[in-house]
Amino acid sequence: MANWAKRLIKQLENDVFLGRLHQFEGSISKVLSLGMVVVILAIVFDLVVVLIHAIFTTAPGEFLGQTVIDIFGLFLTVLIALEILENITAYIQKHVVQVELVIATALTAVGRKFIILDLDKVSGTTLIGLAIAVFALAISYWIVRSSHR
């Protein structure tokens, strides 16, 4: 048997293969975390631009309308991105997906959707669907949280 075939067979043994797979997962997680940092910086930059633009161009009395909702949406987007980064960081540290954190991130995302929702443009079924999603996520969060105690 050729020397290269012996090395290939050695690489495919369970321990060696799982070690290589673990290295691959770690590398991908690190690339994802760096990508999330770039996304967070871009969102924060966008938030600063929108906030400055809103402060200097919005007429008095108009700021509390759609402008505030847009700004709240950007703030929550930053928080969601930070939670996703926390998920990735926890995975890098512990090599485990933290279900509680994932559910909390999903709850924040659905809550953000409710806040920025334009009620004139959505149907009742969309609202019912979002309400069911919030209810299901809240129950899931409660179950996971209770089981960890």
Protein backbone atom coordinates (compact mmCIF):
# COMPACT_ATOMS: atom_id res chain seq x y z
CA MET A 1 0.00 0.00 0.00
CA ALA A 2 1.32 3.43 -0.92
CA ASN A 3 2.50 5.80 1.77
CA TRP A 4 -0.13 8.42 0.83
CA ALA A 5 -2.91 5.83 1.21
CA LYS A 6 -1.69 4.95 4.71
CA ARG A 7 -1.71 8.65 5.66
CA LEU A 8 -5.21 9.04 4.23
CA ILE A 9 -6.49 6.06 6.20
CA LYS A 10 -4.86 7.49 9.34
CA GLN A 11 -6.63 10.83 8.76
CA LEU A 12 -9.99 9.06 8.47
CA GLU A 13 -9.71 7.29 11.85
CA ASN A 14 -12.38 8.50 14.27
CA ASP A 15 -10.18 10.43 16.71
CA VAL A 16 -8.14 12.19 14.02
CA PHE A 17 -11.20 12.90 11.88
CA LEU A 18 -13.20 14.30 14.82
CA GLY A 19 -10.21 16.44 15.80
CA ARG A 20 -10.04 17.90 12.29
CA LEU A 21 -13.82 18.45 12.29
CA HIS A 22 -13.56 20.25 15.63
CA GLN A 23 -10.82 22.50 14.21
CA PHE A 24 -13.03 23.26 11.20
CA GLU A 25 -15.99 24.19 13.45
CA GLY A 26 -13.73 26.44 15.52
CA SER A 27 -12.40 28.20 12.43
CA ILE A 28 -15.87 28.79 11.01
CA SER A 29 -17.07 30.09 14.40
CA LYS A 30 -14.21 32.58 14.50
CA VAL A 31 -14.93 33.78 10.96
CA LEU A 32 -18.62 34.19 11.89
CA SER A 33 -17.72 36.18 15.00
CA LEU A 34 -15.49 38.52 12.99
CA GLY A 35 -18.30 38.94 10.46
CA MET A 36 -20.74 39.78 13.27
CA VAL A 37 -18.35 42.43 14.60
CA VAL A 38 -18.32 44.05 11.15
CA VAL A 39 -22.14 43.87 10.97
CA ILE A 40 -22.50 45.39 14.46
CA LEU A 41 -20.15 48.24 13.59
CA ALA A 42 -22.11 48.92 10.38
CA ILE A 43 -25.43 48.92 12.26
CA VAL A 44 -24.07 51.25 14.96
CA PHE A 45 -22.73 53.59 12.26
CA ASP A 46 -26.15 53.53 10.56
CA LEU A 47 -27.84 54.22 13.91
CA VAL A 48 -25.58 57.21 14.56
CA VAL A 49 -26.24 58.60 11.06
CA VAL A 50 -30.02 58.15 11.38
CA LEU A 51 -30.03 59.64 14.89
CA ILE A 52 -28.02 62.71 13.87
CA HIS A 53 -30.14 63.15 10.74
CA ALA A 54 -33.34 62.85 12.79
CA ILE A 55 -32.19 65.35 15.39
CA PHE A 56 -31.16 67.99 12.89
CA THR A 57 -33.82 67.59 10.18
CA THR A 58 -37.00 66.59 11.98
CA ALA A 59 -39.37 69.43 12.72
CA PRO A 60 -40.38 69.95 16.34
CA GLY A 61 -43.34 67.77 17.25
CA GLU A 62 -42.69 65.23 14.47
CA PHE A 63 -39.85 63.38 16.20
CA LEU A 64 -42.15 61.16 18.25
CA GLY A 65 -43.77 59.60 15.19
CA GLN A 66 -42.16 57.22 12.75
CA THR A 67 -38.68 58.61 13.49
CA VAL A 68 -38.63 57.23 17.03
CA ILE A 69 -39.95 53.87 15.85
CA ASP A 70 -37.17 53.68 13.25
CA ILE A 71 -34.55 54.56 15.88
CA PHE A 72 -35.95 51.96 18.32
CA GLY A 73 -35.81 49.40 15.51
CA LEU A 74 -32.12 50.16 14.94
CA PHE A 75 -31.37 49.97 18.66
CA LEU A 76 -33.04 46.57 18.87
CA THR A 77 -31.19 45.45 15.74
CA VAL A 78 -27.91 46.25 17.51
CA LEU A 79 -29.06 44.28 20.56
CA ILE A 80 -30.07 41.30 18.41
CA ALA A 81 -26.69 41.38 16.64
CA LEU A 82 -24.94 41.49 20.04
CA GLU A 83 -26.98 38.50 21.20
CA ILE A 84 -26.02 36.59 18.06
CA LEU A 85 -22.37 37.45 18.72
CA GLU A 86 -22.84 36.18 22.29
CA ASN A 87 -24.24 32.93 20.85
CA ILE A 88 -21.19 32.53 18.64
CA THR A 89 -18.82 33.42 21.49
CA ALA A 90 -20.49 30.89 23.80
CA TYR A 91 -20.15 28.27 21.07
CA ILE A 92 -16.43 29.03 20.67
CA GLN A 93 -15.88 28.81 24.44
CA LYS A 94 -18.06 25.84 25.35
CA HIS A 95 -18.74 24.14 21.99
CA VAL A 96 -22.42 24.08 22.90
CA VAL A 97 -25.38 26.00 21.51
CA GLN A 98 -27.10 27.74 24.42
CA VAL A 99 -30.77 27.16 23.72
CA GLU A 100 -31.91 29.72 26.30
CA LEU A 101 -29.86 32.45 24.62
CA VAL A 102 -31.13 31.45 21.16
CA ILE A 103 -34.75 31.66 22.35
CA ALA A 104 -34.10 35.03 24.03
CA THR A 105 -32.60 36.31 20.77
CA ALA A 106 -35.66 35.10 18.85
CA LEU A 107 -37.97 36.79 21.37
CA THR A 108 -36.06 40.04 20.94
CA ALA A 109 -36.29 39.75 17.15
CA VAL A 110 -40.05 39.14 17.20
CA GLY A 111 -40.48 41.95 19.72
CA ARG A 112 -38.55 44.25 17.40
CA LYS A 113 -40.88 43.24 14.58
CA PHE A 114 -43.88 44.21 16.70
CA ILE A 115 -42.34 47.60 17.54
CA ILE A 116 -41.51 48.58 13.95
CA LEU A 117 -44.68 47.09 12.50
CA ASP A 118 -46.81 49.45 10.43
CA LEU A 119 -50.33 48.42 11.40
CA ASP A 120 -51.77 50.00 8.25
CA LYS A 121 -49.78 47.65 6.02
CA VAL A 122 -50.16 44.26 7.75
CA SER A 123 -53.04 41.87 7.87
CA GLY A 124 -54.70 40.46 10.93
CA THR A 125 -53.30 37.02 10.16
CA THR A 126 -49.77 38.44 10.30
CA LEU A 127 -50.48 39.87 13.75
CA ILE A 128 -51.96 36.58 14.90
CA GLY A 129 -48.92 34.72 13.56
CA LEU A 130 -46.54 37.06 15.39
CA ALA A 131 -48.57 36.72 18.57
CA ILE A 132 -48.44 32.92 18.32
CA ALA A 133 -44.68 33.11 17.73
CA VAL A 134 -44.21 35.27 20.83
CA PHE A 135 -46.40 32.94 22.89
CA ALA A 136 -44.56 29.83 21.68
CA LEU A 137 -41.15 31.40 22.28
CA ALA A 138 -42.18 32.60 25.74
CA ILE A 139 -43.36 29.11 26.69
CA SER A 140 -40.17 27.61 25.24
CA TYR A 141 -38.06 30.06 27.20
CA TRP A 142 -39.96 29.26 30.40
CA ILE A 143 -39.54 25.50 29.86
CA VAL A 144 -35.80 25.80 29.13
CA ARG A 145 -35.28 28.19 32.04
CA SER A 146 -37.20 25.91 34.42
CA SER A 147 -35.26 22.85 33.32
CA HIS A 148 -31.92 24.58 33.98
CA ARG A 149 -32.84 25.28 37.58
